[in-house]
Structure formats: structure tokens, C-alpha cells
């Protein structure tokens, strides 16, 4: 399971960098703490589906693009 969280986090980070937004801005737009966003990108937490959909909206992509 840990590998899935790490893969998911890598996809989040890659998509965020493509869009050229900071982790702070992504976290603000997704209504989460910046440290939590960092933990997601490092694969340290399992997040809810609600947060996955919020991140997909902020990152202007379909949820499928973020899943490992």
C-alpha cells in the first residue's frame, strides 16, 4: 500500500510542477494545510477520495491521471 501512496504523490507533484504552481498555492486552493500537501506528495499519508477529487480539480485534470 505504501508504494501506491508514493506513486500517487509523485503524480501530484509532477502535475503541480507542470502547471507551475507552488505547493502552498495548491494546498490553499485544495483547502488543506501546506504540510499535509507535502506529506501527500511524499506518500506519507493516505487521503480521502474527497481530497483526491479536490486535488484533481485544482490540478485541472481527471482523477484517473493522478491514480497509480
C-alpha atoms as a PDB file:
ATOM      1  CA  UNK A   1       0.000   0.000   0.000  1.00  0.00           C
ATOM      2  CA  UNK A   2       2.823   2.412   0.814  1.00  0.00           C
ATOM      3  CA  UNK A   3       4.064   2.163  -2.783  1.00  0.00           C
ATOM      4  CA  UNK A   4       0.671   3.333  -4.050  1.00  0.00           C
ATOM      5  CA  UNK A   5       0.786   6.421  -1.832  1.00  0.00           C
ATOM      6  CA  UNK A   6       4.306   7.226  -3.054  1.00  0.00           C
ATOM      7  CA  UNK A   7       3.309   6.783  -6.709  1.00  0.00           C
ATOM      8  CA  UNK A   8       0.220   8.942  -6.166  1.00  0.00           C
ATOM      9  CA  UNK A   9       2.320  11.629  -4.508  1.00  0.00           C
ATOM     10  CA  UNK A  10       4.790  11.649  -7.385  1.00  0.00           C
ATOM     11  CA  UNK A  11       1.958  12.166  -9.860  1.00  0.00           C
ATOM     12  CA  UNK A  12       0.565  15.026  -7.783  1.00  0.00           C
ATOM     13  CA  UNK A  13       3.972  16.706  -7.627  1.00  0.00           C
ATOM     14  CA  UNK A  14       4.634  16.227 -11.347  1.00  0.00           C
ATOM     15  CA  UNK A  15       1.254  17.647 -12.330  1.00  0.00           C
ATOM     16  CA  UNK A  16       1.694  20.591  -9.955  1.00  0.00           C
ATOM     17  CA  UNK A  17       5.106  21.394 -11.411  1.00  0.00           C
ATOM     18  CA  UNK A  18       3.784  21.191 -14.978  1.00  0.00           C
ATOM     19  CA  UNK A  19       1.179  23.791 -14.036  1.00  0.00           C
ATOM     20  CA  UNK A  20       3.857  25.891 -12.370  1.00  0.00           C
ATOM     21  CA  UNK A  21       2.087  26.301  -9.056  1.00  0.00           C
ATOM     22  CA  UNK A  22       3.698  26.136  -5.647  1.00  0.00           C
ATOM     23  CA  UNK A  23       2.822  23.581  -3.037  1.00  0.00           C
ATOM     24  CA  UNK A  24       1.486  26.447  -0.911  1.00  0.00           C
ATOM     25  CA  UNK A  25      -0.865  27.606  -3.664  1.00  0.00           C
ATOM     26  CA  UNK A  26      -2.053  24.055  -4.412  1.00  0.00           C
ATOM     27  CA  UNK A  27      -2.759  23.482  -0.722  1.00  0.00           C
ATOM     28  CA  UNK A  28      -4.637  26.772  -0.429  1.00  0.00           C
ATOM     29  CA  UNK A  29      -6.799  26.031  -3.464  1.00  0.00           C
ATOM     30  CA  UNK A  30      -7.491  22.478  -2.236  1.00  0.00           C
ATOM     31  CA  UNK A  31      -8.364  23.787   1.236  1.00  0.00           C
ATOM     32  CA  UNK A  32      -5.673  21.841   3.062  1.00  0.00           C
ATOM     33  CA  UNK A  33      -2.625  22.654   5.130  1.00  0.00           C
ATOM     34  CA  UNK A  34       0.632  23.022   3.176  1.00  0.00           C
ATOM     35  CA  UNK A  35       2.386  20.490   5.400  1.00  0.00           C
ATOM     36  CA  UNK A  36      -0.378  17.978   4.642  1.00  0.00           C
ATOM     37  CA  UNK A  37       0.081  18.609   0.911  1.00  0.00           C
ATOM     38  CA  UNK A  38       3.790  17.913   1.352  1.00  0.00           C
ATOM     39  CA  UNK A  39       3.056  14.672   3.169  1.00  0.00           C
ATOM     40  CA  UNK A  40       0.728  13.648   0.322  1.00  0.00           C
ATOM     41  CA  UNK A  41       3.447  14.339  -2.251  1.00  0.00           C
ATOM     42  CA  UNK A  42       5.950  12.293  -0.239  1.00  0.00           C
ATOM     43  CA  UNK A  43       3.490   9.398   0.063  1.00  0.00           C
ATOM     44  CA  UNK A  44       3.360   9.583   3.846  1.00  0.00           C
ATOM     45  CA  UNK A  45      -0.442   9.672   4.168  1.00  0.00           C
ATOM     46  CA  UNK A  46      -3.490   8.025   2.678  1.00  0.00           C
ATOM     47  CA  UNK A  47      -6.010  10.645   1.691  1.00  0.00           C
ATOM     48  CA  UNK A  48      -9.768  10.567   1.287  1.00  0.00           C
ATOM     49  CA  UNK A  49     -11.486  10.384  -2.065  1.00  0.00           C
ATOM     50  CA  UNK A  50     -12.862  13.836  -1.419  1.00  0.00           C
ATOM     51  CA  UNK A  51      -9.312  15.237  -1.249  1.00  0.00           C
ATOM     52  CA  UNK A  52      -8.316  13.315  -4.383  1.00  0.00           C
ATOM     53  CA  UNK A  53     -11.151  14.993  -6.283  1.00  0.00           C
ATOM     54  CA  UNK A  54     -10.270  18.405  -4.834  1.00  0.00           C
ATOM     55  CA  UNK A  55      -6.656  17.979  -5.943  1.00  0.00           C
ATOM     56  CA  UNK A  56      -7.730  16.868  -9.412  1.00  0.00           C
ATOM     57  CA  UNK A  57      -9.858  19.990  -9.721  1.00  0.00           C
ATOM     58  CA  UNK A  58      -7.014  22.245  -8.561  1.00  0.00           C
ATOM     59  CA  UNK A  59      -4.576  20.479 -10.902  1.00  0.00           C
ATOM     60  CA  UNK A  60      -7.048  20.748 -13.785  1.00  0.00           C
ATOM     61  CA  UNK A  61      -7.067  17.058 -14.585  1.00  0.00           C
ATOM     62  CA  UNK A  62      -9.183  13.944 -14.345  1.00  0.00           C
ATOM     63  CA  UNK A  63      -8.798  11.832 -11.218  1.00  0.00           C
ATOM     64  CA  UNK A  64      -7.621   8.944 -13.441  1.00  0.00           C
ATOM     65  CA  UNK A  65      -4.478  10.907 -14.307  1.00  0.00           C
ATOM     66  CA  UNK A  66      -3.449  11.001 -10.660  1.00  0.00           C
ATOM     67  CA  UNK A  67      -4.021   7.362  -9.776  1.00  0.00           C
ATOM     68  CA  UNK A  68      -1.079   4.944  -9.920  1.00  0.00           C
END
